[in-house]
Protein backbone atom coordinates (compact mmCIF):
# COMPACT_ATOMS: atom_id res chain seq x y z
CA UNK A 1 -12.58 -73.74 -9.55
CA UNK A 2 -11.96 -72.15 -12.98
CA UNK A 3 -8.70 -73.80 -13.70
CA UNK A 4 -9.02 -73.16 -17.49
CA UNK A 5 -7.98 -69.56 -16.84
CA UNK A 6 -4.47 -70.36 -15.85
CA UNK A 7 -1.53 -71.64 -17.90
CA UNK A 8 1.41 -73.78 -16.88
CA UNK A 9 4.90 -72.36 -16.22
CA UNK A 10 7.42 -72.81 -18.96
CA UNK A 11 10.12 -75.41 -18.26
CA UNK A 12 13.88 -74.74 -19.03
CA UNK A 13 15.59 -76.96 -21.55
CA UNK A 14 18.81 -77.75 -19.49
CA UNK A 15 19.19 -81.57 -19.43
CA UNK A 16 22.72 -81.38 -18.15
CA UNK A 17 21.83 -79.13 -15.15
CA UNK A 18 24.37 -79.39 -12.38
CA UNK A 19 22.69 -77.60 -9.45
CA UNK A 20 21.07 -80.72 -7.88
CA UNK A 21 24.50 -82.03 -6.95
CA UNK A 22 25.76 -78.75 -5.39
CA UNK A 23 25.68 -77.93 -1.74
CA UNK A 24 25.73 -74.58 -0.09
CA UNK A 25 28.85 -74.54 2.12
CA UNK A 26 29.44 -70.80 2.51
CA UNK A 27 26.93 -67.93 3.03
CA UNK A 28 25.98 -65.85 0.04
CA UNK A 29 26.12 -62.10 0.06
CA UNK A 30 23.03 -60.69 1.59
CA UNK A 31 21.09 -57.55 0.88
CA UNK A 32 18.29 -56.39 3.08
CA UNK A 33 15.47 -54.61 1.32
CA UNK A 34 13.45 -54.01 4.53
CA UNK A 35 13.78 -50.25 4.29
CA UNK A 36 12.54 -50.19 0.65
CA UNK A 37 10.66 -53.23 -0.49
CA UNK A 38 9.46 -54.04 3.02
CA UNK A 39 8.57 -50.50 3.89
CA UNK A 40 6.58 -49.77 0.74
CA UNK A 41 4.40 -52.80 1.54
CA UNK A 42 3.25 -51.48 4.87
CA UNK A 43 -0.23 -50.13 5.51
CA UNK A 44 1.47 -47.52 7.69
CA UNK A 45 5.01 -46.90 6.31
CA UNK A 46 7.69 -46.41 8.78
CA UNK A 47 8.34 -43.04 10.35
CA UNK A 48 11.85 -41.66 10.16
CA UNK A 49 12.48 -42.91 13.77
CA UNK A 50 11.26 -46.39 12.94
CA UNK A 51 13.33 -46.49 9.72
CA UNK A 52 16.40 -45.48 11.69
CA UNK A 53 15.79 -48.23 14.27
CA UNK A 54 15.47 -50.74 11.49
CA UNK A 55 18.63 -49.58 9.78
CA UNK A 56 20.57 -49.73 13.11
CA UNK A 57 19.28 -53.25 13.73
CA UNK A 58 20.40 -54.42 10.28
CA UNK A 59 23.87 -52.96 10.86
CA UNK A 60 24.07 -54.52 14.32
CA UNK A 61 23.11 -57.91 12.86
CA UNK A 62 25.91 -57.65 10.30
CA UNK A 63 24.30 -56.91 6.94
CA UNK A 64 26.86 -55.24 4.72
CA UNK A 65 24.43 -54.34 1.88
CA UNK A 66 21.21 -52.51 2.70
CA UNK A 67 18.69 -51.02 0.35
CA UNK A 68 17.67 -47.90 2.24
CA UNK A 69 15.00 -46.41 0.09
CA UNK A 70 13.49 -45.02 -3.05
CA UNK A 71 14.68 -41.40 -2.84
CA UNK A 72 12.85 -40.11 -5.98
CA UNK A 73 9.56 -41.39 -4.61
CA UNK A 74 9.16 -38.52 -2.11
CA UNK A 75 10.82 -36.37 0.55
CA UNK A 76 10.53 -38.99 3.33
CA UNK A 77 12.84 -41.51 1.63
CA UNK A 78 15.14 -38.85 0.24
CA UNK A 79 15.60 -37.17 3.60
CA UNK A 80 16.20 -40.53 5.36
CA UNK A 81 19.01 -41.37 2.99
CA UNK A 82 20.54 -37.91 3.56
CA UNK A 83 20.11 -38.28 7.34
CA UNK A 84 22.09 -41.58 7.69
CA UNK A 85 24.87 -40.13 5.44
CA UNK A 86 25.19 -36.81 7.10
CA UNK A 87 24.84 -38.32 10.66
CA UNK A 88 27.61 -40.82 10.00
CA UNK A 89 25.30 -43.76 10.77
CA UNK A 90 26.70 -46.01 7.92
CA UNK A 91 29.84 -48.00 8.84
CA UNK A 92 32.60 -47.82 6.23
CA UNK A 93 32.17 -51.52 5.35
CA UNK A 94 28.46 -51.15 4.62
CA UNK A 95 27.09 -50.40 1.19
CA UNK A 96 23.83 -48.60 0.91
CA UNK A 97 21.64 -49.10 -2.18
CA UNK A 98 18.83 -46.91 -3.58
CA UNK A 99 16.25 -47.87 -6.19
CA UNK A 100 15.13 -45.94 -9.19
CA UNK A 101 13.02 -46.31 -12.35
CA UNK A 102 14.72 -45.51 -15.67
CA UNK A 103 13.56 -41.95 -16.08
CA UNK A 104 16.13 -39.17 -16.19
CA UNK A 105 14.62 -36.84 -13.58
CA UNK A 106 14.23 -39.72 -11.16
CA UNK A 107 17.76 -40.92 -11.76
CA UNK A 108 19.08 -37.41 -11.04
CA UNK A 109 17.26 -37.11 -7.84
CA UNK A 110 18.38 -40.64 -6.80
CA UNK A 111 21.97 -39.93 -7.33
CA UNK A 112 21.74 -36.59 -5.50
CA UNK A 113 20.59 -38.45 -2.35
CA UNK A 114 23.92 -40.28 -2.29
CA UNK A 115 26.35 -37.31 -2.01
CA UNK A 116 28.95 -37.93 0.66
CA UNK A 117 28.22 -41.67 1.04
CA UNK A 118 31.30 -43.89 1.34
CA UNK A 119 29.86 -46.90 -0.45
CA UNK A 120 26.69 -46.59 -2.58
CA UNK A 121 24.87 -48.43 -5.28
CA UNK A 122 22.12 -47.25 -7.67
CA UNK A 123 19.62 -49.97 -8.44
CA UNK A 124 17.76 -49.41 -11.66
CA UNK A 125 14.96 -51.62 -12.98
CA UNK A 126 12.45 -51.85 -15.79
CA UNK A 127 9.90 -54.54 -16.40
CA UNK A 128 10.85 -56.97 -19.27
CA UNK A 129 8.09 -59.56 -19.20
CA UNK A 130 5.68 -60.05 -22.32
CA UNK A 131 2.57 -58.99 -20.41
CA UNK A 132 4.22 -55.76 -19.28
CA UNK A 133 5.58 -55.05 -22.82
CA UNK A 134 2.15 -55.54 -24.21
CA UNK A 135 -0.12 -54.12 -21.46
CA UNK A 136 1.91 -51.52 -19.61
CA UNK A 137 4.53 -50.22 -22.03
CA UNK A 138 2.93 -51.20 -25.33
CA UNK A 139 6.44 -51.54 -26.66
CA UNK A 140 8.58 -54.06 -28.59
CA UNK A 141 11.54 -55.99 -27.22
CA UNK A 142 13.97 -53.51 -28.68
CA UNK A 143 12.15 -50.52 -27.08
CA UNK A 144 12.11 -52.20 -23.64
CA UNK A 145 15.79 -53.03 -23.89
CA UNK A 146 16.50 -49.47 -24.92
CA UNK A 147 14.92 -48.33 -21.65
CA UNK A 148 17.45 -50.29 -19.70
CA UNK A 149 20.36 -49.16 -21.80
CA UNK A 150 19.47 -45.47 -21.67
CA UNK A 151 18.82 -45.68 -17.94
CA UNK A 152 22.18 -47.26 -17.29
CA UNK A 153 23.92 -44.61 -19.32
CA UNK A 154 22.13 -41.86 -17.35
CA UNK A 155 23.06 -43.39 -14.02
CA UNK A 156 26.76 -43.33 -15.11
CA UNK A 157 26.53 -39.79 -16.29
CA UNK A 158 24.91 -38.36 -13.15
CA UNK A 159 27.13 -40.35 -10.83
CA UNK A 160 30.22 -38.89 -12.54
CA UNK A 161 28.68 -35.38 -12.43
CA UNK A 162 27.31 -35.34 -8.87
CA UNK A 163 29.33 -37.78 -6.69
CA UNK A 164 32.76 -37.03 -5.49
CA UNK A 165 35.86 -39.22 -5.27
CA UNK A 166 34.98 -40.14 -1.62
CA UNK A 167 32.15 -42.44 -2.92
CA UNK A 168 32.85 -45.95 -4.03
CA UNK A 169 30.08 -46.24 -6.55
CA UNK A 170 28.38 -49.35 -7.77
CA UNK A 171 25.57 -50.23 -10.14
CA UNK A 172 22.71 -52.80 -10.11
CA UNK A 173 20.26 -53.63 -12.83
CA UNK A 174 17.06 -55.70 -12.54
CA UNK A 175 14.97 -57.04 -15.47
CA UNK A 176 11.90 -56.89 -13.46
CA UNK A 177 9.45 -59.82 -13.68
CA UNK A 178 12.40 -62.04 -14.60
CA UNK A 179 10.35 -65.17 -13.87
CA UNK A 180 7.93 -64.21 -16.71
CA UNK A 181 10.51 -62.90 -19.13
CA UNK A 182 11.82 -65.17 -21.96
CA UNK A 183 15.23 -66.31 -20.96
CA UNK A 184 16.79 -65.29 -24.24
CA UNK A 185 15.40 -61.80 -23.92
CA UNK A 186 16.45 -61.50 -20.21
CA UNK A 187 19.99 -62.41 -21.32
CA UNK A 188 19.89 -59.99 -24.24
CA UNK A 189 18.85 -57.02 -21.97
CA UNK A 190 21.54 -57.88 -19.39
CA UNK A 191 24.22 -58.10 -21.98
CA UNK A 192 23.18 -54.73 -23.40
CA UNK A 193 23.35 -53.15 -19.94
CA UNK A 194 26.82 -54.75 -19.39
CA UNK A 195 27.94 -53.29 -22.78
CA UNK A 196 27.24 -49.87 -21.30
CA UNK A 197 28.63 -50.44 -17.77
CA UNK A 198 31.64 -52.43 -19.06
CA UNK A 199 32.28 -54.65 -15.99
CA UNK A 200 35.87 -55.67 -15.45
CA UNK A 201 38.26 -56.55 -12.67
CA UNK A 202 37.38 -54.18 -9.72
CA UNK A 203 34.30 -52.94 -11.49
CA UNK A 204 31.56 -55.49 -11.00
CA UNK A 205 27.92 -55.12 -11.99
CA UNK A 206 25.13 -56.64 -9.98
CA UNK A 207 22.45 -58.30 -12.12
CA UNK A 208 19.43 -58.98 -10.01
CA UNK A 209 16.91 -61.46 -11.44
CA UNK A 210 13.75 -60.91 -9.46
CA UNK A 211 10.89 -63.38 -9.06
CA UNK A 212 8.61 -60.28 -8.80
CA UNK A 213 5.68 -62.74 -8.78
CA UNK A 214 6.65 -66.28 -7.95
CA UNK A 215 5.34 -68.36 -10.85
CA UNK A 216 7.10 -71.73 -10.88
CA UNK A 217 8.56 -74.50 -8.71
CA UNK A 218 11.86 -73.76 -7.00
CA UNK A 219 13.58 -76.31 -9.20
CA UNK A 220 12.50 -74.37 -12.41
CA UNK A 221 13.68 -71.14 -10.74
CA UNK A 222 17.07 -72.79 -10.20
CA UNK A 223 17.19 -73.89 -13.86
CA UNK A 224 16.63 -70.35 -14.98
CA UNK A 225 19.53 -69.19 -12.76
CA UNK A 226 21.91 -71.95 -14.02
CA UNK A 227 20.96 -71.06 -17.65
CA UNK A 228 21.71 -67.31 -17.13
CA UNK A 229 24.85 -68.03 -15.11
CA UNK A 230 26.16 -70.29 -17.97
CA UNK A 231 25.33 -67.80 -20.77
CA UNK A 232 26.42 -64.37 -19.43
CA UNK A 233 29.64 -63.49 -21.29
CA UNK A 234 31.29 -61.54 -18.48
CA UNK A 235 30.18 -63.86 -15.66
CA UNK A 236 33.39 -63.49 -13.60
CA UNK A 237 32.56 -59.71 -13.21
CA UNK A 238 28.91 -60.22 -12.49
CA UNK A 239 27.34 -60.51 -9.04
CA UNK A 240 24.23 -62.57 -9.87
CA UNK A 241 21.54 -61.74 -7.38
CA UNK A 242 18.26 -63.51 -6.53
CA UNK A 243 15.22 -61.65 -5.32
CA UNK A 244 12.36 -64.11 -4.61
CA UNK A 245 8.85 -63.30 -3.62
CA UNK A 246 6.59 -65.77 -1.76
CA UNK A 247 3.45 -65.86 -3.94
CA UNK A 248 3.55 -69.69 -4.04
CA UNK A 249 4.95 -69.99 -0.53
CA UNK A 250 8.27 -71.43 -1.73
CA UNK A 251 10.60 -68.31 -1.67
CA UNK A 252 13.05 -69.85 0.76
CA UNK A 253 13.47 -73.00 -1.40
CA UNK A 254 13.68 -70.90 -4.56
CA UNK A 255 16.53 -68.82 -3.03
CA UNK A 256 18.43 -71.84 -1.68
CA UNK A 257 18.27 -73.61 -4.97
CA UNK A 258 19.17 -70.44 -6.92
CA UNK A 259 22.34 -70.23 -4.86
CA UNK A 260 23.12 -73.96 -5.65
CA UNK A 261 22.57 -72.92 -9.38
CA UNK A 262 25.09 -70.11 -9.32
CA UNK A 263 23.60 -67.09 -7.69
CA UNK A 264 26.03 -65.01 -5.53
CA UNK A 265 23.62 -62.85 -3.51
CA UNK A 266 20.14 -62.93 -1.95
CA UNK A 267 17.89 -60.01 -1.58
CA UNK A 268 15.11 -60.28 1.08
CA UNK A 269 13.52 -58.89 4.19
CA UNK A 270 13.59 -59.91 7.83
CA UNK A 271 10.76 -62.41 8.45
CA UNK A 272 9.57 -62.20 4.86
CA UNK A 273 8.13 -58.66 4.89
CA UNK A 274 7.27 -57.32 1.43
CA UNK A 275 4.48 -56.82 -1.13
CA UNK A 276 1.62 -59.37 -1.21
CA UNK A 277 2.86 -62.64 0.34
CA UNK A 278 6.22 -60.98 1.03
CA UNK A 279 9.85 -61.13 0.01
CA UNK A 280 11.97 -64.09 0.90
CA UNK A 281 12.73 -64.30 4.59
CA UNK A 282 16.33 -63.54 5.37
CA UNK A 283 15.99 -64.80 9.00
CA UNK A 284 14.87 -68.29 7.83
CA UNK A 285 17.58 -68.38 5.13
CA UNK A 286 20.35 -67.43 7.50
CA UNK A 287 19.20 -69.77 10.26
CA UNK A 288 18.85 -72.69 7.78
CA UNK A 289 22.55 -72.24 7.06
CA UNK A 290 23.34 -72.07 10.76
CA UNK A 291 21.36 -75.28 11.40
CA UNK A 292 23.66 -77.10 8.83
CA UNK A 293 26.90 -75.90 10.34
CA UNK A 294 27.37 -73.03 7.84
CA UNK A 295 28.21 -69.57 9.31
CA UNK A 296 25.50 -67.20 7.97
CA UNK A 297 27.75 -64.24 8.70
CA UNK A 298 24.76 -62.63 10.36
CA UNK A 299 24.15 -62.44 14.22
CA UNK A 300 20.83 -64.10 15.07
CA UNK A 301 21.89 -64.78 18.81
CA UNK A 302 19.13 -62.48 20.14
CA UNK A 303 16.19 -63.53 17.96
CA UNK A 304 13.59 -62.07 20.20
CA UNK A 305 15.18 -58.70 20.15
CA UNK A 306 15.23 -58.83 16.39
CA UNK A 307 11.62 -59.93 16.31
CA UNK A 308 10.45 -57.19 18.69
CA UNK A 309 12.33 -54.52 16.73
CA UNK A 310 10.86 -55.77 13.39
CA UNK A 311 7.31 -55.77 14.93
CA UNK A 312 7.79 -52.21 16.20
CA UNK A 313 9.19 -50.88 12.93
CA UNK A 314 6.69 -52.66 10.60
CA UNK A 315 3.70 -52.51 13.04
CA UNK A 316 3.03 -56.15 12.13
CA UNK A 317 3.18 -59.16 14.39
CA UNK A 318 5.34 -62.20 13.68
CA UNK A 319 3.34 -65.41 13.61
CA UNK A 320 3.88 -67.66 16.75
CA UNK A 321 4.79 -70.53 14.32
CA UNK A 322 7.19 -68.52 12.26
CA UNK A 323 10.43 -70.53 11.65
CA UNK A 324 13.15 -70.00 14.26
CA UNK A 325 11.56 -66.78 15.73
CA UNK A 326 7.94 -67.49 16.55
CA UNK A 327 6.90 -67.82 20.22
CA UNK A 328 6.00 -71.50 19.89
CA UNK A 329 8.60 -72.86 17.41
CA UNK A 330 10.74 -74.51 20.10
CA UNK A 331 7.68 -75.68 22.13
CA UNK A 332 6.22 -79.13 22.42
CA UNK A 333 2.80 -79.75 23.79
CA UNK A 334 2.53 -83.41 22.66
CA UNK A 335 3.43 -86.04 25.24
CA UNK A 336 5.50 -88.15 22.86
CA UNK A 337 7.38 -85.14 21.64
CA UNK A 338 8.06 -84.02 25.22
CA UNK A 339 9.24 -87.45 26.25
CA UNK A 340 11.73 -87.58 23.30
CA UNK A 341 13.00 -84.02 24.06
CA UNK A 342 13.63 -84.82 27.71
CA UNK A 343 15.45 -87.99 26.78
CA UNK A 344 17.45 -86.09 24.18
CA UNK A 345 18.60 -83.55 26.78
CA UNK A 346 19.57 -86.31 29.21
CA UNK A 347 21.56 -88.13 26.48
CA UNK A 348 23.37 -84.94 25.54
CA UNK A 349 24.52 -84.45 29.15
CA UNK A 350 25.71 -88.10 29.31
CA UNK A 351 27.48 -87.95 25.94
CA UNK A 352 29.28 -84.70 26.95
CA UNK A 353 30.34 -86.11 30.29
CA UNK A 354 31.62 -89.26 28.70
CA UNK A 355 33.76 -87.14 26.31
CA UNK A 356 34.94 -84.86 29.05
CA UNK A 357 33.32 -81.91 27.28
CA UNK A 358 30.38 -79.48 27.86
CA UNK A 359 27.08 -79.89 26.14
CA UNK A 360 27.92 -76.81 23.96
CA UNK A 361 31.11 -78.58 22.63
CA UNK A 362 29.42 -81.67 21.09
CA UNK A 363 27.12 -82.00 18.08
CA UNK A 364 23.57 -81.06 18.84
CA UNK A 365 21.17 -84.02 18.73
CA UNK A 366 17.83 -83.40 20.49
CA UNK A 367 14.65 -84.80 18.91
CA UNK A 368 12.22 -82.19 17.55
CA UNK A 369 14.66 -79.33 18.07
CA UNK A 370 16.77 -78.58 14.91
CA UNK A 371 18.85 -76.07 16.80
CA UNK A 372 19.61 -75.39 20.41
CA UNK A 373 17.16 -72.61 21.40
CA UNK A 374 19.89 -71.14 23.70
CA UNK A 375 21.91 -70.30 20.55
CA UNK A 376 19.27 -67.65 19.60
CA UNK A 377 18.73 -66.33 23.04
CA UNK A 378 15.86 -68.50 24.06
CA UNK A 379 15.72 -70.01 27.48
CA UNK A 380 14.62 -73.61 27.81
CA UNK A 381 11.54 -72.54 29.84
CA UNK A 382 9.28 -72.66 26.87
CA UNK A 383 10.70 -75.74 25.24
CA UNK A 384 8.04 -77.94 26.86
CA UNK A 385 4.59 -76.55 27.81
CA UNK A 386 1.85 -78.56 29.29
CA UNK A 387 -1.76 -78.91 28.29
CA UNK A 388 -4.30 -81.76 27.88
CA UNK A 389 -2.21 -83.33 25.16
CA UNK A 390 0.87 -83.51 27.25
CA UNK A 391 2.37 -86.52 28.95
CA UNK A 392 4.64 -87.49 31.71
CA UNK A 393 7.85 -86.60 29.81
CA UNK A 394 6.91 -82.87 29.51
CA UNK A 395 5.88 -82.54 33.18
CA UNK A 396 9.08 -84.41 34.31
CA UNK A 397 11.17 -82.02 32.05
CA UNK A 398 9.64 -78.88 33.62
CA UNK A 399 10.42 -80.18 37.13
CA UNK A 400 14.00 -81.14 36.21
CA UNK A 401 14.78 -78.03 34.22
CA UNK A 402 13.20 -75.56 36.60
CA UNK A 403 13.68 -77.29 39.96
CA UNK A 404 16.39 -79.88 39.44
CA UNK A 405 14.04 -82.79 40.39
CA UNK A 406 14.73 -85.86 38.34
CA UNK A 407 11.52 -87.91 39.01
CA UNK A 408 11.66 -91.76 38.68
CA UNK A 409 9.58 -93.07 35.80
CA UNK A 410 6.70 -94.48 37.93
CA UNK A 411 6.55 -91.27 39.87
CA UNK A 412 6.35 -89.36 36.45
CA UNK A 413 3.36 -91.39 35.59
CA UNK A 414 1.70 -90.84 38.94
CA UNK A 415 2.15 -87.01 38.89
CA UNK A 416 1.20 -86.74 35.13
CA UNK A 417 -2.18 -88.20 35.99
CA UNK A 418 -2.71 -85.49 38.57
CA UNK A 419 -1.80 -82.79 36.06
CA UNK A 420 -3.92 -84.52 33.45
CA UNK A 421 -6.95 -84.35 35.72
CA UNK A 422 -6.29 -80.64 36.20
CA UNK A 423 -6.13 -79.89 32.52
CA UNK A 424 -9.17 -82.01 31.68
CA UNK A 425 -11.09 -80.17 34.41
CA UNK A 426 -9.92 -76.63 33.74
CA UNK A 427 -8.80 -76.73 30.03
CA UNK A 428 -6.09 -74.75 28.47
CA UNK A 429 -2.38 -74.74 29.32
CA UNK A 430 -0.72 -75.40 32.62
CA UNK A 431 2.17 -73.10 33.24
CA UNK A 432 5.42 -74.18 34.99
CA UNK A 433 4.46 -72.15 37.97
CA UNK A 434 1.19 -73.99 38.22
CA UNK A 435 2.86 -77.39 37.76
CA UNK A 436 5.33 -76.54 40.66
CA UNK A 437 2.44 -75.33 42.88
CA UNK A 438 0.49 -78.51 42.20
CA UNK A 439 3.56 -80.55 42.89
CA UNK A 440 4.24 -78.89 46.19
CA UNK A 441 0.57 -79.29 47.28
CA UNK A 442 0.72 -82.92 46.43
CA UNK A 443 4.23 -83.93 47.72
CA UNK A 444 6.07 -81.12 49.55
CA UNK A 445 5.03 -79.20 52.60
CA UNK A 446 6.28 -75.63 52.55
CA UNK A 447 5.85 -72.47 54.67
CA UNK A 448 2.44 -71.85 53.01
CA UNK A 449 0.86 -75.24 53.12
CA UNK A 450 2.61 -77.08 56.06
CA UNK A 451 -0.34 -76.85 58.43
CA UNK A 452 -2.90 -79.50 59.31
CA UNK A 453 -4.40 -79.44 55.91
CA UNK A 454 -1.24 -80.95 54.41
CA UNK A 455 -1.11 -84.17 56.40
CA UNK A 456 -1.11 -86.13 59.67
CA UNK A 457 2.60 -85.97 60.32
CA UNK A 458 5.06 -83.07 60.44
CA UNK A 459 8.67 -84.20 60.91
CA UNK A 460 10.84 -82.22 63.34
CA UNK A 461 14.02 -84.19 63.91
CA UNK A 462 15.46 -87.61 63.76
CA UNK A 463 18.46 -89.35 65.21
CA UNK A 464 19.95 -92.72 64.26
CA UNK A 465 22.31 -95.02 66.22
CA UNK A 466 23.84 -98.18 64.76
CA UNK A 467 24.64 -101.34 66.66
CA UNK A 468 27.59 -103.57 65.85
CA UNK A 469 25.29 -106.13 64.33
CA UNK A 470 24.17 -103.60 61.68
CA UNK A 471 20.79 -102.79 63.22
CA UNK A 472 19.80 -99.08 63.12
CA UNK A 473 17.71 -97.58 65.94
CA UNK A 474 15.81 -94.48 64.93
CA UNK A 475 14.22 -91.83 67.24
CA UNK A 476 11.99 -89.34 65.60
CA UNK A 477 10.42 -86.23 67.09
CA UNK A 478 7.30 -85.35 65.16
CA UNK A 479 3.86 -83.84 65.46
CA UNK A 480 1.23 -86.45 64.89
CA UNK A 481 -2.44 -85.31 64.48
CA UNK A 482 -1.39 -82.14 66.19
CA UNK A 483 0.29 -83.81 69.11
CA UNK A 484 4.05 -83.80 69.87
CA UNK A 485 5.18 -87.44 69.64
CA UNK A 486 8.37 -89.43 69.85
CA UNK A 487 8.44 -92.41 67.52
CA UNK A 488 11.16 -95.12 67.80
CA UNK A 489 11.94 -98.13 65.61
CA UNK A 490 14.68 -100.46 64.52
CA UNK A 491 15.64 -101.95 61.19
CA UNK A 492 18.44 -102.61 58.73
CA UNK A 493 18.56 -98.92 57.85
CA UNK A 494 16.85 -95.54 58.74
CA UNK A 495 13.93 -96.07 56.33
CA UNK A 496 13.23 -99.67 57.64
CA UNK A 497 13.48 -98.33 61.18
CA UNK A 498 11.06 -95.50 60.45
CA UNK A 499 8.47 -97.98 58.93
CA UNK A 500 8.59 -99.89 62.27
CA UNK A 501 8.20 -96.66 64.14
CA UNK A 502 5.10 -95.80 62.18
CA UNK A 503 3.44 -99.07 63.13
CA UNK A 504 3.12 -97.71 66.67
CA UNK A 505 0.57 -95.12 65.32
CA UNK A 506 -1.30 -97.61 63.16
CA UNK A 507 0.36 -96.96 59.84
CA UNK A 508 1.29 -100.04 57.87
CA UNK A 509 3.98 -99.03 55.27
CA UNK A 510 6.26 -101.13 53.09
CA UNK A 511 9.11 -99.95 50.88
CA UNK A 512 8.82 -100.68 47.09
CA UNK A 513 11.45 -98.47 45.53
CA UNK A 514 13.94 -95.81 46.64
CA UNK A 515 16.19 -93.49 44.66
CA UNK A 516 17.94 -90.23 45.40
CA UNK A 517 20.20 -87.62 43.83
CA UNK A 518 21.92 -84.40 44.61
CA UNK A 519 20.30 -81.25 43.25
CA UNK A 520 23.45 -79.14 42.90
CA UNK A 521 27.18 -79.33 43.52
CA UNK A 522 29.15 -78.08 46.57
CA UNK A 523 29.12 -78.49 50.28
CA UNK A 524 25.69 -76.95 50.68
CA UNK A 525 24.06 -79.06 48.03
CA UNK A 526 20.60 -80.53 48.78
CA UNK A 527 19.55 -84.10 48.05
CA UNK A 528 16.17 -85.26 46.75
CA UNK A 529 14.91 -88.65 47.84
CA UNK A 530 12.00 -90.43 46.18
CA UNK A 531 10.29 -93.35 47.96
CA UNK A 532 7.54 -95.64 46.62
CA UNK A 533 5.56 -97.13 49.35
CA UNK A 534 2.63 -99.57 49.80
CA UNK A 535 0.58 -97.96 52.62
CA UNK A 536 -2.58 -99.52 53.88
CA UNK A 537 -3.33 -101.04 50.42
CA UNK A 538 -2.31 -97.91 48.40
CA UNK A 539 0.87 -97.52 46.26
CA UNK A 540 2.08 -94.00 46.52
CA UNK A 541 5.20 -91.94 46.03
CA UNK A 542 6.76 -89.45 48.37
CA UNK A 543 9.53 -86.94 48.08
CA UNK A 544 11.88 -85.39 50.49
CA UNK A 545 14.43 -82.57 50.04
CA UNK A 546 17.10 -81.85 52.57
CA UNK A 547 20.83 -81.21 52.79
CA UNK A 548 21.10 -84.44 54.89
CA UNK A 549 20.29 -87.56 52.83
CA UNK A 550 18.83 -89.43 55.81
CA UNK A 551 16.50 -86.59 56.69
CA UNK A 552 15.59 -86.30 53.00
CA UNK A 553 14.56 -90.00 52.94
CA UNK A 554 12.55 -89.63 56.18
CA UNK A 555 10.74 -86.68 54.69
CA UNK A 556 10.00 -88.74 51.56
CA UNK A 557 8.34 -91.40 53.75
CA UNK A 558 6.26 -88.67 55.52
CA UNK A 559 5.31 -87.28 52.13
CA UNK A 560 3.88 -90.69 51.08
CA UNK A 561 2.23 -91.36 54.42
CA UNK A 562 0.49 -87.98 54.47
CA UNK A 563 -0.68 -88.46 50.87
CA UNK A 564 -2.23 -91.89 51.79
CA UNK A 565 -4.12 -90.24 54.73
CA UNK A 566 -5.80 -87.63 52.52
C-alpha cells in the first residue's frame, strides 16, 4: 500500500477545548438536502413526481428547512421549485433553500425561482481550500475571498429587485471544502461575507462549514467548529451549520461532536444519500437523539414507510443492516441474544405490573434492543428469527409472542432440539409459521393432523367425581388405536387418575412436572397445560389447550403419550 502518497490531517491548537464535556440535550435545526445534494448524486435523478413525493415526505416528517434544488443547473430543478411554490405545497413554517454558485447569471436565475415563496433562502458557495485555489481557480486568497464577497452582494441586489414583500428572505454562505481550508482563512472569508450581509437581531446569516470531503477524525472536526464558533465576531447572529460527508465512515460522529462544539444546525440526507459515500444520515442522527430521551422534533414513527418512499424516490435500496431502518436491525439470530431478549421482555412486563403501569410507561430496558421497535412502527414478529445459530430462547419467544404459549424451560430445550435438527437438515432460516407448524405436528393435534398418524389416543370427553376422602375418580371417553374406549381410574387428582386409567391399555406413565397458565383474559380465556412425563422409559413433554383447565391437563397427558408411541 503506497502510504507515502498521503499526508496527515492538521490538528487544531485548542488546548482549552470545551466540547468534550458538553452533552446534546435538545435537537439541532435540521436541513434536508435530499432534493439537491442527494438527488444530484443519483445515477438516475428523480423525476418531478419522485421529487414531489420526497418533498411531501420531508414535510410530513417535520423538516422545517429543505434544500429543494439547484435552479440554475437546468429546467428540471427550476420548474420543480416553481411548482411547489405555485401549487401551495410549502407550509408557511417551512423554509425552502436553493443553491447557487457565485456567478451573476446563475444568481439571477436562482432568485427568480423563488418568486412568491413565503420563506426562502439562497445558499451561495465557493471553494476556499488551497488545492482548489491552486488547481481549479488559480487564484490567491484575496481573489477567492472576493468571489464570496461579490456573490453575496449580488444575491442581496437580485433579492431586493426580484422578490416581493411576501417573501421572508434569508442567506446562507458555505466556504466549500472547509475541512481542507486553513482556519484563519475560513474565518476571514466568513467575516468578509458577514460585512456585506450585516447580520443583526432578526437578520441572521447561516454560515455552513462543509466537510465536502471527510478528512479527519470527528474530534478534529469538532475542534475546528469550536475554534470558528469562538472567533466569529457576530456569533449571536450566526446560525453555524455542519454539513458532513461520509468519506471516512464517521459522518454521524462528526455531526454529533460538531453540535457539542457549538454548531446550531445539521445538513444531511435521509439514510445518508449523497455524493461518493454520502452525506450524513439524518435518520440515524435523529434516532440517536430519540434513543437518549431527546426529542428529535422529527417523526420517525413509521420508519418502514420512510424507507420505502426513499427507496422509490432514489431508486436505491437501504441496506438490511442500516441503523434503525434496515430489515434486520432489530433481529436476533444468535441463541444467546434471543434468550436475553426474551428475558428482557419478560422482565419489562413484571416491572410494569409491579409499578402499576404499562410497559410503554416505564424506561425501556431490553438487551440488544436500544429502542422499542414498536416506536418506529415495527412489529415484534421480526425481533427474533430462527436459523441454525438460534437457541431455545428465540424459539420460545416466537411461541410466546405469536401464540401466547410460555413454555417451561425444559420443554424449551426439548423443542429447540427438534427445530435445530430441522435447520441442520434443511439449512437457512425457519419462519415463525414453520415453527408453529412443527410445534403442532409434534405436540398438538388439530383439524389437519388429528388422524391416526398423529397418535394412538384421541380424547373425546372426561368426567371427574370426588369422594369425601379426597380421591378423584376419572372416566374418559376416548378412541384408542381406532376403537371407542372408556377408561377409568382413581387418584389424588385428575392427572393421577388418568395415569391409572392408562395402565389398563398398557401405558406406564409417571408425572415429573406440571405447569399451566391462561392464554388471555376474560370468561372465554383458554388455558395451556404443560406436563413432563416418564413414559415407558422416555421423558417427554406434552401440551394441552382448552377453556377447561382439567381438560387441558388431560390433553397434555395425551400429547405426551402419543409422542412416546411414535
